[in-house]
Amino acid sequence: MTVQTTTHLNFRGDARAALGFYHSVFGGALTVISYQDMGAVQDPAEADQVVWGQVAAENGFRVMAYDVPAARPWSRGDDPFFVSLRGDTTEEVTALWERLAEGSTVVVPLATSQWAPLYGMLTDPFGVTWVIDVAVEHSAA
């Protein structure tokens, strides 16, 4: 069983610039997927914003980021990050989800998504929001 946690930063229109900055500092592979790339555009003005992005360096540095859609409440000081928990198999992710979900508020139920065999989001009893999925490879941007 292998799991990995990664800081998942939340922005409102600045995710691409932030990821570019972190890439310039830490190097590694930069991946940026827009709402348009995912076929998930809800507001045409946000089509090129980041639905998922990551910088992954060989030295172990890893950060993920996305642009919170305007339809969802967001403020720079509130909910500025998620903890991303990724596993290799649906079985291990499901088992971890079930334990984390006890006493938590489910934001997005654990289910198949466009980008992963399983994905879900919950806020634990301590106010920490977790995004949980089965890891899949994405080619660098």
C-alpha atoms as a PDB file:
ATOM      1  CA  MET A   1       0.000   0.000   0.000  1.00  0.00           C
ATOM      2  CA  THR A   2       1.394   3.387  -1.029  1.00  0.00           C
ATOM      3  CA  VAL A   3      -0.213   6.753  -0.315  1.00  0.00           C
ATOM      4  CA  GLN A   4       1.091  10.260  -0.728  1.00  0.00           C
ATOM      5  CA  THR A   5      -0.121  13.584   0.650  1.00  0.00           C
ATOM      6  CA  THR A   6       0.466  16.810  -1.232  1.00  0.00           C
ATOM      7  CA  THR A   7      -0.392  20.398  -0.427  1.00  0.00           C
ATOM      8  CA  HIS A   8      -3.176  21.443  -2.821  1.00  0.00           C
ATOM      9  CA  LEU A   9      -3.317  25.252  -3.141  1.00  0.00           C
ATOM     10  CA  ASN A  10      -6.530  27.076  -4.060  1.00  0.00           C
ATOM     11  CA  PHE A  11      -6.554  30.283  -6.094  1.00  0.00           C
ATOM     12  CA  ARG A  12      -9.030  32.464  -7.936  1.00  0.00           C
ATOM     13  CA  GLY A  13      -7.448  32.970 -11.355  1.00  0.00           C
ATOM     14  CA  ASP A  14      -3.791  32.839 -10.241  1.00  0.00           C
ATOM     15  CA  ALA A  15      -3.082  29.093 -10.223  1.00  0.00           C
ATOM     16  CA  ARG A  16      -1.251  29.060 -13.579  1.00  0.00           C
ATOM     17  CA  ALA A  17       1.039  31.930 -12.522  1.00  0.00           C
ATOM     18  CA  ALA A  18       1.658  30.365  -9.094  1.00  0.00           C
ATOM     19  CA  LEU A  19       2.511  26.982 -10.610  1.00  0.00           C
ATOM     20  CA  GLY A  20       4.848  28.682 -13.095  1.00  0.00           C
ATOM     21  CA  PHE A  21       6.567  30.469 -10.233  1.00  0.00           C
ATOM     22  CA  TYR A  22       6.997  27.280  -8.168  1.00  0.00           C
ATOM     23  CA  HIS A  23       8.276  25.489 -11.276  1.00  0.00           C
ATOM     24  CA  SER A  24      10.865  28.241 -11.824  1.00  0.00           C
ATOM     25  CA  VAL A  25      12.014  27.873  -8.217  1.00  0.00           C
ATOM     26  CA  PHE A  26      11.981  24.084  -7.780  1.00  0.00           C
ATOM     27  CA  GLY A  27      12.245  22.748 -11.363  1.00  0.00           C
ATOM     28  CA  GLY A  28      10.765  19.373 -12.202  1.00  0.00           C
ATOM     29  CA  ALA A  29       7.693  18.609 -14.278  1.00  0.00           C
ATOM     30  CA  LEU A  30       4.898  21.142 -14.661  1.00  0.00           C
ATOM     31  CA  THR A  31       1.402  19.901 -15.505  1.00  0.00           C
ATOM     32  CA  VAL A  32      -1.471  22.318 -16.123  1.00  0.00           C
ATOM     33  CA  ILE A  33      -4.958  21.217 -17.170  1.00  0.00           C
ATOM     34  CA  SER A  34      -7.605  23.872 -17.800  1.00  0.00           C
ATOM     35  CA  TYR A  35     -11.355  23.628 -17.358  1.00  0.00           C
ATOM     36  CA  GLN A  36     -11.542  23.684 -21.176  1.00  0.00           C
ATOM     37  CA  ASP A  37      -9.057  20.784 -21.449  1.00  0.00           C
ATOM     38  CA  MET A  38     -11.290  18.757 -19.100  1.00  0.00           C
ATOM     39  CA  GLY A  39     -14.491  19.666 -20.918  1.00  0.00           C
ATOM     40  CA  ALA A  40     -15.749  21.118 -17.625  1.00  0.00           C
ATOM     41  CA  VAL A  41     -16.367  24.760 -18.544  1.00  0.00           C
ATOM     42  CA  GLN A  42     -19.229  26.228 -16.532  1.00  0.00           C
ATOM     43  CA  ASP A  43     -18.328  29.877 -17.159  1.00  0.00           C
ATOM     44  CA  PRO A  44     -16.698  30.723 -20.526  1.00  0.00           C
ATOM     45  CA  ALA A  45     -14.623  33.445 -18.808  1.00  0.00           C
ATOM     46  CA  GLU A  46     -12.955  30.685 -16.747  1.00  0.00           C
ATOM     47  CA  ALA A  47     -12.274  28.225 -19.583  1.00  0.00           C
ATOM     48  CA  ASP A  48      -8.485  28.720 -19.486  1.00  0.00           C
ATOM     49  CA  GLN A  49      -8.246  28.670 -15.704  1.00  0.00           C
ATOM     50  CA  VAL A  50      -6.648  25.678 -14.009  1.00  0.00           C
ATOM     51  CA  VAL A  51      -8.855  22.788 -12.954  1.00  0.00           C
ATOM     52  CA  TRP A  52      -5.774  20.794 -11.913  1.00  0.00           C
ATOM     53  CA  GLY A  53      -2.091  21.560 -11.942  1.00  0.00           C
ATOM     54  CA  GLN A  54       1.046  20.270 -10.345  1.00  0.00           C
ATOM     55  CA  VAL A  55       4.769  20.805 -10.015  1.00  0.00           C
ATOM     56  CA  ALA A  56       6.660  17.594  -9.220  1.00  0.00           C
ATOM     57  CA  ALA A  57      10.428  17.789  -8.833  1.00  0.00           C
ATOM     58  CA  GLU A  58      12.888  14.903  -8.603  1.00  0.00           C
ATOM     59  CA  ASN A  59      14.072  16.211  -5.216  1.00  0.00           C
ATOM     60  CA  GLY A  60      10.646  15.345  -3.741  1.00  0.00           C
ATOM     61  CA  PHE A  61       9.015  18.789  -3.939  1.00  0.00           C
ATOM     62  CA  ARG A  62       5.399  18.533  -5.007  1.00  0.00           C
ATOM     63  CA  VAL A  63       2.557  21.028  -4.956  1.00  0.00           C
ATOM     64  CA  MET A  64      -0.860  20.956  -6.611  1.00  0.00           C
ATOM     65  CA  ALA A  65      -3.116  23.915  -7.418  1.00  0.00           C
ATOM     66  CA  TYR A  66      -6.375  24.941  -9.036  1.00  0.00           C
ATOM     67  CA  ASP A  67      -8.573  27.958  -9.668  1.00  0.00           C
ATOM     68  CA  VAL A  68     -11.738  27.894  -7.576  1.00  0.00           C
ATOM     69  CA  PRO A  69     -14.664  28.660  -9.922  1.00  0.00           C
ATOM     70  CA  ALA A  70     -16.518  31.941  -9.343  1.00  0.00           C
ATOM     71  CA  ALA A  71     -19.692  29.956  -8.590  1.00  0.00           C
ATOM     72  CA  ARG A  72     -18.030  28.574  -5.441  1.00  0.00           C
ATOM     73  CA  PRO A  73     -17.341  30.765  -2.414  1.00  0.00           C
ATOM     74  CA  TRP A  74     -13.653  31.518  -1.915  1.00  0.00           C
ATOM     75  CA  SER A  75     -11.563  34.033  -0.101  1.00  0.00           C
ATOM     76  CA  ARG A  76      -7.788  34.222  -0.059  1.00  0.00           C
ATOM     77  CA  GLY A  77      -7.632  33.796   3.720  1.00  0.00           C
ATOM     78  CA  ASP A  78     -10.337  31.121   4.027  1.00  0.00           C
ATOM     79  CA  ASP A  79      -9.808  27.616   2.643  1.00  0.00           C
ATOM     80  CA  PRO A  80      -6.487  28.513   0.925  1.00  0.00           C
ATOM     81  CA  PHE A  81      -5.431  24.881   0.606  1.00  0.00           C
ATOM     82  CA  PHE A  82      -6.549  21.259   0.592  1.00  0.00           C
ATOM     83  CA  VAL A  83      -4.601  18.197   1.620  1.00  0.00           C
ATOM     84  CA  SER A  84      -4.456  15.918  -1.397  1.00  0.00           C
ATOM     85  CA  LEU A  85      -4.331  12.223  -0.520  1.00  0.00           C
ATOM     86  CA  ARG A  86      -3.533   9.928  -3.439  1.00  0.00           C
ATOM     87  CA  GLY A  87      -3.375   6.157  -3.457  1.00  0.00           C
ATOM     88  CA  ASP A  88      -2.423   3.548  -6.021  1.00  0.00           C
ATOM     89  CA  THR A  89      -5.588   1.443  -5.914  1.00  0.00           C
ATOM     90  CA  THR A  90      -9.323   1.934  -5.530  1.00  0.00           C
ATOM     91  CA  GLU A  91      -9.277  -0.487  -2.592  1.00  0.00           C
ATOM     92  CA  GLU A  92      -6.789   1.518  -0.507  1.00  0.00           C
ATOM     93  CA  VAL A  93      -8.401   4.857  -1.384  1.00  0.00           C
ATOM     94  CA  THR A  94     -11.859   3.528  -0.481  1.00  0.00           C
ATOM     95  CA  ALA A  95     -10.616   2.190   2.867  1.00  0.00           C
ATOM     96  CA  LEU A  96      -8.957   5.507   3.743  1.00  0.00           C
ATOM     97  CA  TRP A  97     -12.032   7.459   2.592  1.00  0.00           C
ATOM     98  CA  GLU A  98     -14.318   5.387   4.800  1.00  0.00           C
ATOM     99  CA  ARG A  99     -12.169   6.070   7.874  1.00  0.00           C
ATOM    100  CA  LEU A 100     -11.697   9.787   7.108  1.00  0.00           C
ATOM    101  CA  ALA A 101     -15.425  10.220   6.387  1.00  0.00           C
ATOM    102  CA  GLU A 102     -16.418   9.269   9.950  1.00  0.00           C
ATOM    103  CA  GLY A 103     -17.628  12.508  11.523  1.00  0.00           C
ATOM    104  CA  SER A 104     -16.685  14.493   8.395  1.00  0.00           C
ATOM    105  CA  THR A 105     -18.785  16.512   5.954  1.00  0.00           C
ATOM    106  CA  VAL A 106     -18.736  15.051   2.453  1.00  0.00           C
ATOM    107  CA  VAL A 107     -18.321  17.824  -0.132  1.00  0.00           C
ATOM    108  CA  VAL A 108     -18.022  15.561  -3.206  1.00  0.00           C
ATOM    109  CA  PRO A 109     -18.924  11.869  -2.758  1.00  0.00           C
ATOM    110  CA  LEU A 110     -16.220   9.327  -3.607  1.00  0.00           C
ATOM    111  CA  ALA A 111     -16.947   8.222  -7.182  1.00  0.00           C
ATOM    112  CA  THR A 112     -15.477   7.885 -10.655  1.00  0.00           C
ATOM    113  CA  SER A 113     -14.408  11.221 -12.161  1.00  0.00           C
ATOM    114  CA  GLN A 114     -13.152  12.470 -15.519  1.00  0.00           C
ATOM    115  CA  TRP A 115      -9.560  12.390 -14.264  1.00  0.00           C
ATOM    116  CA  ALA A 116      -9.370   9.464 -11.852  1.00  0.00           C
ATOM    117  CA  PRO A 117     -10.912   6.050 -11.206  1.00  0.00           C
ATOM    118  CA  LEU A 118     -12.064   7.474  -7.844  1.00  0.00           C
ATOM    119  CA  TYR A 119     -12.219  11.032  -6.510  1.00  0.00           C
ATOM    120  CA  GLY A 120     -13.898  12.609  -3.508  1.00  0.00           C
ATOM    121  CA  MET A 121     -13.687  15.634  -1.234  1.00  0.00           C
ATOM    122  CA  LEU A 122     -14.546  15.961   2.441  1.00  0.00           C
ATOM    123  CA  THR A 123     -13.970  18.311   5.343  1.00  0.00           C
ATOM    124  CA  ASP A 124     -12.895  16.500   8.489  1.00  0.00           C
ATOM    125  CA  PRO A 125     -14.131  17.270  12.007  1.00  0.00           C
ATOM    126  CA  PHE A 126     -11.174  19.652  12.469  1.00  0.00           C
ATOM    127  CA  GLY A 127     -12.013  21.828   9.434  1.00  0.00           C
ATOM    128  CA  VAL A 128      -9.334  20.385   7.111  1.00  0.00           C
ATOM    129  CA  THR A 129     -10.548  19.740   3.562  1.00  0.00           C
ATOM    130  CA  TRP A 130      -9.166  16.608   1.908  1.00  0.00           C
ATOM    131  CA  VAL A 131      -9.235  15.793  -1.814  1.00  0.00           C
ATOM    132  CA  ILE A 132      -8.792  12.058  -2.240  1.00  0.00           C
ATOM    133  CA  ASP A 133      -8.189  10.126  -5.434  1.00  0.00           C
ATOM    134  CA  VAL A 134      -6.512   7.223  -7.165  1.00  0.00           C
ATOM    135  CA  ALA A 135      -3.282   8.486  -8.718  1.00  0.00           C
ATOM    136  CA  VAL A 136      -2.966   8.413 -12.485  1.00  0.00           C
ATOM    137  CA  GLU A 137      -0.107   9.692 -14.641  1.00  0.00           C
ATOM    138  CA  HIS A 138      -0.466  12.997 -16.492  1.00  0.00           C
ATOM    139  CA  SER A 139       1.994  14.165 -19.109  1.00  0.00           C
ATOM    140  CA  ALA A 140       3.878  17.350 -18.308  1.00  0.00           C
ATOM    141  CA  ALA A 141       2.777  20.637 -19.899  1.00  0.00           C
END
